[in-house]
């Protein structure tokens, strides 16, 4: 498996309120009421998920940065 240098995630609006963040290559999903809270919760969830793991087993390098894509509903003027 080729090593990735980033952890990819997407943030999208929740069904009723707030935002949901979901990693594309790892089994990590979290949520928050604001974008800042959601990103912080995602970072915390990733740290917990990867704590004590061999990153090479996940195809990751040490200190892999987080790449987040934000999906928003279109806004019309």
C-alpha atoms as a PDB file:
ATOM      1  CA  UNK A   1       0.000   0.000   0.000  1.00  0.00           C
ATOM      2  CA  UNK A   2       1.368   3.422  -0.950  1.00  0.00           C
ATOM      3  CA  UNK A   3       1.759   5.833   1.931  1.00  0.00           C
ATOM      4  CA  UNK A   4      -0.521   8.843   1.993  1.00  0.00           C
ATOM      5  CA  UNK A   5       0.804  12.120   3.213  1.00  0.00           C
ATOM      6  CA  UNK A   6      -2.615  13.484   4.144  1.00  0.00           C
ATOM      7  CA  UNK A   7      -5.731  12.306   5.929  1.00  0.00           C
ATOM      8  CA  UNK A   8      -8.738  13.207   3.809  1.00  0.00           C
ATOM      9  CA  UNK A   9     -12.091  14.165   5.289  1.00  0.00           C
ATOM     10  CA  UNK A  10     -15.278  15.859   4.195  1.00  0.00           C
ATOM     11  CA  UNK A  11     -17.496  18.156   6.273  1.00  0.00           C
ATOM     12  CA  UNK A  12     -21.131  18.576   5.324  1.00  0.00           C
ATOM     13  CA  UNK A  13     -24.251  20.082   6.933  1.00  0.00           C
ATOM     14  CA  UNK A  14     -26.009  17.826   9.440  1.00  0.00           C
ATOM     15  CA  UNK A  15     -29.559  16.612   8.849  1.00  0.00           C
ATOM     16  CA  UNK A  16     -31.116  18.988  11.375  1.00  0.00           C
ATOM     17  CA  UNK A  17     -28.307  21.312  12.525  1.00  0.00           C
ATOM     18  CA  UNK A  18     -24.567  21.668  12.808  1.00  0.00           C
ATOM     19  CA  UNK A  19     -22.031  19.791  10.709  1.00  0.00           C
ATOM     20  CA  UNK A  20     -20.786  16.233  10.246  1.00  0.00           C
ATOM     21  CA  UNK A  21     -17.144  15.358   9.499  1.00  0.00           C
ATOM     22  CA  UNK A  22     -16.261  12.004   7.958  1.00  0.00           C
ATOM     23  CA  UNK A  23     -12.838  10.664   7.023  1.00  0.00           C
ATOM     24  CA  UNK A  24     -12.646   9.157   3.566  1.00  0.00           C
ATOM     25  CA  UNK A  25     -10.022   6.487   4.312  1.00  0.00           C
ATOM     26  CA  UNK A  26     -10.419   5.876   8.046  1.00  0.00           C
ATOM     27  CA  UNK A  27     -13.423   4.836  10.125  1.00  0.00           C
ATOM     28  CA  UNK A  28     -13.761   8.220  11.842  1.00  0.00           C
ATOM     29  CA  UNK A  29     -16.974  10.272  11.956  1.00  0.00           C
ATOM     30  CA  UNK A  30     -17.797  13.164  14.291  1.00  0.00           C
ATOM     31  CA  UNK A  31     -19.985  16.255  14.449  1.00  0.00           C
ATOM     32  CA  UNK A  32     -20.219  19.752  15.894  1.00  0.00           C
ATOM     33  CA  UNK A  33     -22.484  22.775  16.016  1.00  0.00           C
ATOM     34  CA  UNK A  34     -20.005  25.102  14.276  1.00  0.00           C
ATOM     35  CA  UNK A  35     -17.326  24.521  11.653  1.00  0.00           C
ATOM     36  CA  UNK A  36     -14.579  25.289  14.194  1.00  0.00           C
ATOM     37  CA  UNK A  37     -16.038  22.833  16.705  1.00  0.00           C
ATOM     38  CA  UNK A  38     -16.451  20.178  14.009  1.00  0.00           C
ATOM     39  CA  UNK A  39     -12.824  20.498  12.847  1.00  0.00           C
ATOM     40  CA  UNK A  40     -11.554  20.346  16.440  1.00  0.00           C
ATOM     41  CA  UNK A  41     -13.734  17.293  17.138  1.00  0.00           C
ATOM     42  CA  UNK A  42     -12.365  15.674  13.968  1.00  0.00           C
ATOM     43  CA  UNK A  43      -8.774  16.283  15.077  1.00  0.00           C
ATOM     44  CA  UNK A  44      -9.552  14.861  18.529  1.00  0.00           C
ATOM     45  CA  UNK A  45     -11.312  11.815  17.057  1.00  0.00           C
ATOM     46  CA  UNK A  46      -8.386  11.133  14.708  1.00  0.00           C
ATOM     47  CA  UNK A  47      -5.880  11.366  17.562  1.00  0.00           C
ATOM     48  CA  UNK A  48      -7.915   8.872  19.594  1.00  0.00           C
ATOM     49  CA  UNK A  49      -8.396   6.552  16.607  1.00  0.00           C
ATOM     50  CA  UNK A  50      -4.688   6.509  15.744  1.00  0.00           C
ATOM     51  CA  UNK A  51      -3.254   6.550  19.277  1.00  0.00           C
ATOM     52  CA  UNK A  52      -0.824   3.685  19.723  1.00  0.00           C
ATOM     53  CA  UNK A  53      -1.343   2.416  16.171  1.00  0.00           C
ATOM     54  CA  UNK A  54       1.339   1.689  13.606  1.00  0.00           C
ATOM     55  CA  UNK A  55       0.610   4.414  11.068  1.00  0.00           C
ATOM     56  CA  UNK A  56       2.184   2.353   8.292  1.00  0.00           C
ATOM     57  CA  UNK A  57      -0.659  -0.175   8.700  1.00  0.00           C
ATOM     58  CA  UNK A  58      -3.043   2.626   7.716  1.00  0.00           C
ATOM     59  CA  UNK A  59      -0.742   3.711   4.886  1.00  0.00           C
ATOM     60  CA  UNK A  60       0.060   6.972   6.690  1.00  0.00           C
ATOM     61  CA  UNK A  61       3.265   8.780   7.446  1.00  0.00           C
ATOM     62  CA  UNK A  62       3.987  10.354  10.823  1.00  0.00           C
ATOM     63  CA  UNK A  63       2.352  13.754  11.361  1.00  0.00           C
ATOM     64  CA  UNK A  64       0.159  13.446   8.270  1.00  0.00           C
ATOM     65  CA  UNK A  65      -1.741  16.706   7.740  1.00  0.00           C
ATOM     66  CA  UNK A  66      -5.517  16.806   7.534  1.00  0.00           C
ATOM     67  CA  UNK A  67      -7.077  17.770   4.184  1.00  0.00           C
ATOM     68  CA  UNK A  68     -10.741  18.733   4.578  1.00  0.00           C
ATOM     69  CA  UNK A  69     -13.298  19.354   1.838  1.00  0.00           C
ATOM     70  CA  UNK A  70     -16.365  21.363   2.800  1.00  0.00           C
ATOM     71  CA  UNK A  71     -19.683  20.603   1.137  1.00  0.00           C
ATOM     72  CA  UNK A  72     -22.247  23.391   1.425  1.00  0.00           C
ATOM     73  CA  UNK A  73     -25.676  24.007   0.014  1.00  0.00           C
ATOM     74  CA  UNK A  74     -25.688  26.602  -2.783  1.00  0.00           C
ATOM     75  CA  UNK A  75     -26.733  30.111  -1.798  1.00  0.00           C
ATOM     76  CA  UNK A  76     -28.747  32.111  -4.291  1.00  0.00           C
ATOM     77  CA  UNK A  77     -29.017  35.904  -4.146  1.00  0.00           C
END
